[in-house]
Amino acid sequence: MSTEAEAPAEGGGNVVEPSSIQSGAEVEAAGAPGVPAPGGGADAPDDGGDLPVLRSGRIVDVIADAITFTLVIARLAIAAVAMRMLSQAVKGAYSYVEGCAKQVDHLADVAATLAVDDAVTSSHHDAAGVMRESLALADALAAEAAEMSTEFDNAARDHEADYGTVNEAMQSGPYDVAEREWYSNR
């Protein structure tokens, strides 16, 4: 279920906030059909007791919402795993480049002992220096990917905490929920 106003939350996701709540008089003034008083209406029991349990086609909406909820949690978990894997891949590349820089420096030193031109050996040392400079960028990327992975995990956990009980209540509740169209102009 959603309302028309969705605003970004501090954590980066969307939080659904009602934009306004209309009274029955406001709904009627807008030309909509009358809203029964609380506890009244055609479906209210005459004795004032509980409403009968009804299962209609709207159960499809409830199931669709549950699937959407589950997919959001799953996608956040998948994104977290992907970012962890990226972080590990960058760290692996980091180690490889660091090894290459050491090897190039070693070969340049060996070439210098064999009386290879200084321009050649210094070019190799310069190349190893460029490799080491790229390591700082790779390290920052790996750290950022690891942080993003943690944030995706947190988002999944927070989403579950915020909406898990609502999803569970929608699935296990004995009554039908209002149709989506009823909420669309609220």
Protein backbone atom coordinates (compact mmCIF):
# COMPACT_ATOMS: atom_id res chain seq x y z
CA MET A 1 0.00 0.00 0.00
CA SER A 2 1.24 3.48 -0.65
CA THR A 3 0.18 7.06 -0.39
CA GLU A 4 0.94 9.80 -2.80
CA ALA A 5 3.75 11.38 -0.77
CA GLU A 6 7.04 9.56 -0.56
CA ALA A 7 9.99 11.46 0.85
CA PRO A 8 13.61 10.33 1.08
CA ALA A 9 14.57 9.25 4.58
CA GLU A 10 17.87 10.02 6.26
CA GLY A 11 19.10 6.47 5.53
CA GLY A 12 18.61 6.94 1.80
CA GLY A 13 15.39 4.97 1.26
CA ASN A 14 11.86 6.19 0.78
CA VAL A 15 9.51 6.61 3.70
CA VAL A 16 5.82 6.78 3.01
CA GLU A 17 4.20 9.68 4.83
CA PRO A 18 0.54 10.64 4.47
CA SER A 19 0.21 13.97 2.71
CA SER A 20 -3.14 14.76 4.34
CA ILE A 21 -6.06 13.05 5.99
CA GLN A 22 -9.51 14.10 4.89
CA SER A 23 -12.56 14.10 7.10
CA GLY A 24 -15.82 12.57 5.88
CA ALA A 25 -17.19 16.06 5.22
CA GLU A 26 -14.15 16.96 3.10
CA VAL A 27 -14.55 13.75 1.09
CA GLU A 28 -18.23 14.50 0.47
CA ALA A 29 -17.43 18.13 -0.43
CA ALA A 30 -14.94 16.85 -3.01
CA GLY A 31 -17.77 14.92 -4.67
CA ALA A 32 -16.81 11.48 -3.39
CA PRO A 33 -19.43 9.12 -2.01
CA GLY A 34 -20.26 9.55 1.68
CA VAL A 35 -18.10 7.84 4.25
CA PRO A 36 -20.01 5.95 6.93
CA ALA A 37 -19.52 6.93 10.54
CA PRO A 38 -17.08 4.75 12.49
CA GLY A 39 -18.77 1.46 13.13
CA GLY A 40 -21.53 2.26 10.65
CA GLY A 41 -22.10 1.47 7.04
CA ALA A 42 -23.62 -1.34 5.03
CA ASP A 43 -21.09 -3.92 6.17
CA ALA A 44 -21.35 -3.18 9.90
CA PRO A 45 -23.16 -5.81 11.97
CA ASP A 46 -26.48 -4.65 13.40
CA ASP A 47 -25.54 -5.79 16.89
CA GLY A 48 -22.31 -3.75 16.83
CA GLY A 49 -20.13 -6.87 17.07
CA ASP A 50 -17.06 -7.79 15.03
CA LEU A 51 -17.14 -7.67 11.29
CA PRO A 52 -17.34 -11.04 9.55
CA VAL A 53 -14.14 -12.37 8.07
CA LEU A 54 -14.20 -11.72 4.34
CA ARG A 55 -11.77 -12.92 1.70
CA SER A 56 -12.14 -11.24 -1.65
CA GLY A 57 -10.02 -10.55 -4.70
CA ARG A 58 -8.13 -7.95 -2.69
CA ILE A 59 -6.14 -10.77 -1.14
CA VAL A 60 -4.12 -10.65 -4.34
CA ASP A 61 -2.99 -7.13 -3.37
CA VAL A 62 -1.93 -8.35 0.06
CA ILE A 63 0.05 -11.20 -1.48
CA ALA A 64 1.60 -8.81 -4.00
CA ASP A 65 2.64 -6.50 -1.16
CA ALA A 66 4.19 -9.42 0.70
CA ILE A 67 6.11 -10.44 -2.40
CA THR A 68 7.27 -6.86 -2.94
CA PHE A 69 8.37 -6.63 0.70
CA THR A 70 10.31 -9.89 0.39
CA LEU A 71 11.89 -8.78 -2.89
CA VAL A 72 13.06 -5.50 -1.35
CA ILE A 73 14.74 -7.38 1.50
CA ALA A 74 16.27 -9.89 -0.93
CA ARG A 75 17.55 -7.19 -3.31
CA LEU A 76 19.16 -5.29 -0.46
CA ALA A 77 20.85 -8.49 0.70
CA ILE A 78 22.05 -9.23 -2.85
CA ALA A 79 23.41 -5.69 -3.18
CA ALA A 80 25.26 -6.09 0.13
CA VAL A 81 26.85 -9.33 -1.04
CA ALA A 82 27.79 -7.78 -4.41
CA MET A 83 29.47 -4.84 -2.68
CA ARG A 84 31.37 -7.20 -0.35
CA MET A 85 32.55 -9.16 -3.37
CA LEU A 86 33.61 -5.94 -5.12
CA SER A 87 35.55 -4.89 -2.04
CA GLN A 88 37.33 -8.26 -1.96
CA ALA A 89 38.07 -8.11 -5.69
CA VAL A 90 39.57 -4.63 -5.33
CA LYS A 91 41.67 -5.82 -2.39
CA GLY A 92 42.86 -8.73 -4.53
CA ALA A 93 43.79 -6.36 -7.35
CA TYR A 94 45.48 -4.14 -4.77
CA SER A 95 47.68 -7.03 -3.65
CA TYR A 96 48.49 -7.92 -7.25
CA VAL A 97 49.47 -4.33 -8.17
CA GLU A 98 51.52 -4.01 -5.00
CA GLY A 99 53.39 -7.20 -5.96
CA CYS A 100 53.95 -5.86 -9.49
CA ALA A 101 55.36 -2.59 -8.13
CA LYS A 102 57.82 -4.49 -5.92
CA GLN A 103 58.82 -6.72 -8.83
CA VAL A 104 59.36 -3.74 -11.19
CA ASP A 105 61.49 -1.99 -8.55
CA HIS A 106 63.51 -5.18 -8.03
CA LEU A 107 64.05 -5.63 -11.78
CA ALA A 108 65.08 -1.98 -12.12
CA ASP A 109 67.62 -2.50 -9.32
CA VAL A 110 68.93 -5.65 -11.00
CA ALA A 111 69.16 -3.77 -14.33
CA ALA A 112 71.11 -0.97 -12.61
CA THR A 113 73.67 -3.51 -11.32
CA LEU A 114 74.06 -4.76 -14.88
CA ALA A 115 74.91 -1.24 -16.06
CA VAL A 116 71.63 -0.67 -17.93
CA ASP A 117 71.08 2.96 -18.89
CA ASP A 118 69.90 5.14 -15.99
CA ALA A 119 66.96 6.47 -18.07
CA VAL A 120 65.62 2.91 -18.39
CA THR A 121 65.99 2.07 -14.71
CA SER A 122 64.51 5.38 -13.58
CA SER A 123 61.54 4.85 -15.94
CA HIS A 124 60.93 1.50 -14.27
CA HIS A 125 61.11 3.08 -10.81
CA ASP A 126 58.69 5.79 -12.02
CA ALA A 127 56.30 3.09 -13.27
CA ALA A 128 56.44 1.36 -9.88
CA GLY A 129 55.69 4.73 -8.25
CA VAL A 130 52.60 5.18 -10.44
CA MET A 131 51.48 1.69 -9.43
CA ARG A 132 51.82 2.61 -5.75
CA GLU A 133 49.86 5.82 -6.29
CA SER A 134 47.01 3.80 -7.78
CA LEU A 135 47.03 1.64 -4.66
CA ALA A 136 45.74 4.54 -2.56
CA LEU A 137 42.79 4.91 -4.94
CA ALA A 138 42.15 1.17 -4.92
CA ASP A 139 42.29 1.11 -1.13
CA ALA A 140 39.74 3.95 -0.96
CA LEU A 141 37.49 2.11 -3.42
CA ALA A 142 37.68 -1.11 -1.41
CA ALA A 143 36.84 0.77 1.79
CA GLU A 144 33.89 2.52 0.10
CA ALA A 145 32.54 -0.78 -1.27
CA ALA A 146 32.81 -2.39 2.17
CA GLU A 147 30.99 0.59 3.70
CA MET A 148 28.25 0.38 1.06
CA SER A 149 27.87 -3.33 1.80
CA THR A 150 27.33 -2.51 5.47
CA GLU A 151 24.81 0.19 4.53
CA PHE A 152 22.84 -2.26 2.37
CA ASP A 153 22.82 -4.74 5.26
CA ASN A 154 21.61 -1.97 7.58
CA ALA A 155 18.92 -0.91 5.10
CA ALA A 156 17.61 -4.49 4.85
CA ARG A 157 17.62 -4.87 8.63
CA ASP A 158 15.92 -1.49 9.16
CA HIS A 159 13.32 -2.19 6.46
CA GLU A 160 12.54 -5.53 8.10
CA ALA A 161 12.30 -3.85 11.52
CA ASP A 162 10.10 -0.99 10.24
CA TYR A 163 7.75 -2.93 7.99
CA GLY A 164 8.12 -6.60 8.95
CA THR A 165 5.37 -6.47 11.56
CA VAL A 166 3.10 -4.60 9.15
CA ASN A 167 3.73 -7.20 6.46
CA GLU A 168 3.09 -10.00 8.94
CA ALA A 169 -0.15 -8.38 10.13
CA MET A 170 -1.31 -7.94 6.53
CA GLN A 171 -0.65 -11.61 5.84
CA SER A 172 -2.23 -13.01 8.98
CA GLY A 173 -5.05 -10.53 9.57
CA PRO A 174 -8.57 -11.95 9.39
CA TYR A 175 -10.06 -8.92 7.61
CA ASP A 176 -9.72 -7.55 4.12
CA VAL A 177 -7.77 -4.35 3.79
CA ALA A 178 -9.09 -1.28 2.03
CA GLU A 179 -8.63 -1.20 -1.70
CA ARG A 180 -5.59 0.68 -2.99
CA GLU A 181 -7.80 3.15 -4.85
CA TRP A 182 -9.27 4.31 -1.52
CA TYR A 183 -5.80 5.36 -0.37
CA SER A 184 -4.74 6.92 -3.65
CA ASN A 185 -6.17 10.38 -2.95
CA ARG A 186 -5.47 10.60 0.75
